[in-house]
């Protein structure tokens, strides 16, 4: 039986982005008219920081297995923030 090839970090990031897209696809029909979703972002590493000025609401869902963990987050900005770019 052939061994599976190792999964690259790029593949892991792509997979996490796809999970975020699937969640967003199910969430989008439940949002009020005029509310839009951005493209997903993947942030990697234990030593990172996020700063979101003008945040109205934030939700973070943790996921884990025996060796790794990750979170999927949703951030809602106040109306005046619309159109500005934010970095995570």
Protein backbone atom coordinates (compact mmCIF):
# COMPACT_ATOMS: atom_id res chain seq x y z
CA UNK A 1 0.00 0.00 0.00
CA UNK A 2 1.57 3.34 -1.05
CA UNK A 3 2.07 5.97 1.63
CA UNK A 4 0.22 9.24 1.29
CA UNK A 5 2.41 12.16 0.34
CA UNK A 6 2.83 14.85 3.01
CA UNK A 7 0.44 17.78 2.84
CA UNK A 8 2.11 21.15 2.26
CA UNK A 9 1.40 24.20 4.39
CA UNK A 10 -0.02 25.88 1.28
CA UNK A 11 -2.50 23.01 0.91
CA UNK A 12 -3.49 23.35 4.58
CA UNK A 13 -4.08 27.10 4.16
CA UNK A 14 -6.09 26.46 1.00
CA UNK A 15 -8.20 23.86 2.80
CA UNK A 16 -8.90 26.21 5.71
CA UNK A 17 -9.91 28.94 3.26
CA UNK A 18 -12.29 26.47 1.59
CA UNK A 19 -13.85 25.59 4.97
CA UNK A 20 -14.39 29.31 5.59
CA UNK A 21 -15.99 29.63 2.13
CA UNK A 22 -18.37 26.74 2.85
CA UNK A 23 -19.42 28.30 6.15
CA UNK A 24 -19.87 31.69 4.46
CA UNK A 25 -21.94 30.11 1.68
CA UNK A 26 -24.36 28.73 4.27
CA UNK A 27 -24.38 31.96 6.28
CA UNK A 28 -24.90 34.39 3.39
CA UNK A 29 -28.62 33.63 2.77
CA UNK A 30 -29.31 34.35 6.45
CA UNK A 31 -27.78 37.84 6.40
CA UNK A 32 -29.91 40.96 6.01
CA UNK A 33 -30.00 42.74 2.63
CA UNK A 34 -26.94 44.90 1.98
CA UNK A 35 -24.59 42.86 4.16
CA UNK A 36 -21.60 41.49 2.26
CA UNK A 37 -18.87 39.00 3.07
CA UNK A 38 -15.20 39.43 2.22
CA UNK A 39 -12.81 36.82 0.91
CA UNK A 40 -11.45 34.60 3.69
CA UNK A 41 -8.04 35.26 5.22
CA UNK A 42 -5.79 32.59 6.70
CA UNK A 43 -3.45 33.70 9.48
CA UNK A 44 -0.76 31.21 10.47
CA UNK A 45 1.59 31.01 13.40
CA UNK A 46 1.39 31.24 17.16
CA UNK A 47 3.03 34.66 17.32
CA UNK A 48 0.54 36.86 15.47
CA UNK A 49 -1.73 39.71 16.45
CA UNK A 50 -4.96 41.06 15.09
CA UNK A 51 -6.27 44.58 15.43
CA UNK A 52 -9.75 45.50 14.23
CA UNK A 53 -10.73 49.12 14.78
CA UNK A 54 -14.43 49.85 14.60
CA UNK A 55 -15.50 46.26 15.32
CA UNK A 56 -19.15 45.87 16.22
CA UNK A 57 -19.25 42.10 16.66
CA UNK A 58 -16.74 39.25 16.61
CA UNK A 59 -17.30 35.49 16.72
CA UNK A 60 -14.53 32.91 16.89
CA UNK A 61 -15.13 29.16 16.63
CA UNK A 62 -12.32 26.86 17.81
CA UNK A 63 -11.56 23.51 16.15
CA UNK A 64 -8.91 20.98 17.23
CA UNK A 65 -7.65 17.46 16.85
CA UNK A 66 -5.01 15.61 18.85
CA UNK A 67 -2.10 17.63 17.45
CA UNK A 68 -3.32 20.94 15.99
CA UNK A 69 -5.97 23.58 16.42
CA UNK A 70 -7.46 26.41 14.37
CA UNK A 71 -10.20 29.00 14.62
CA UNK A 72 -12.69 30.39 12.17
CA UNK A 73 -13.73 33.93 12.95
CA UNK A 74 -16.37 36.36 11.79
CA UNK A 75 -15.93 40.09 12.32
CA UNK A 76 -18.61 42.70 11.68
CA UNK A 77 -17.43 46.27 11.24
CA UNK A 78 -19.46 49.35 12.08
CA UNK A 79 -21.04 51.09 9.11
CA UNK A 80 -18.39 53.84 8.93
CA UNK A 81 -15.68 51.20 8.34
CA UNK A 82 -17.21 49.98 5.09
CA UNK A 83 -14.79 50.17 2.23
CA UNK A 84 -11.64 50.46 4.35
CA UNK A 85 -9.03 47.75 4.25
CA UNK A 86 -8.21 46.02 7.53
CA UNK A 87 -5.28 43.77 8.24
CA UNK A 88 -5.31 40.73 10.50
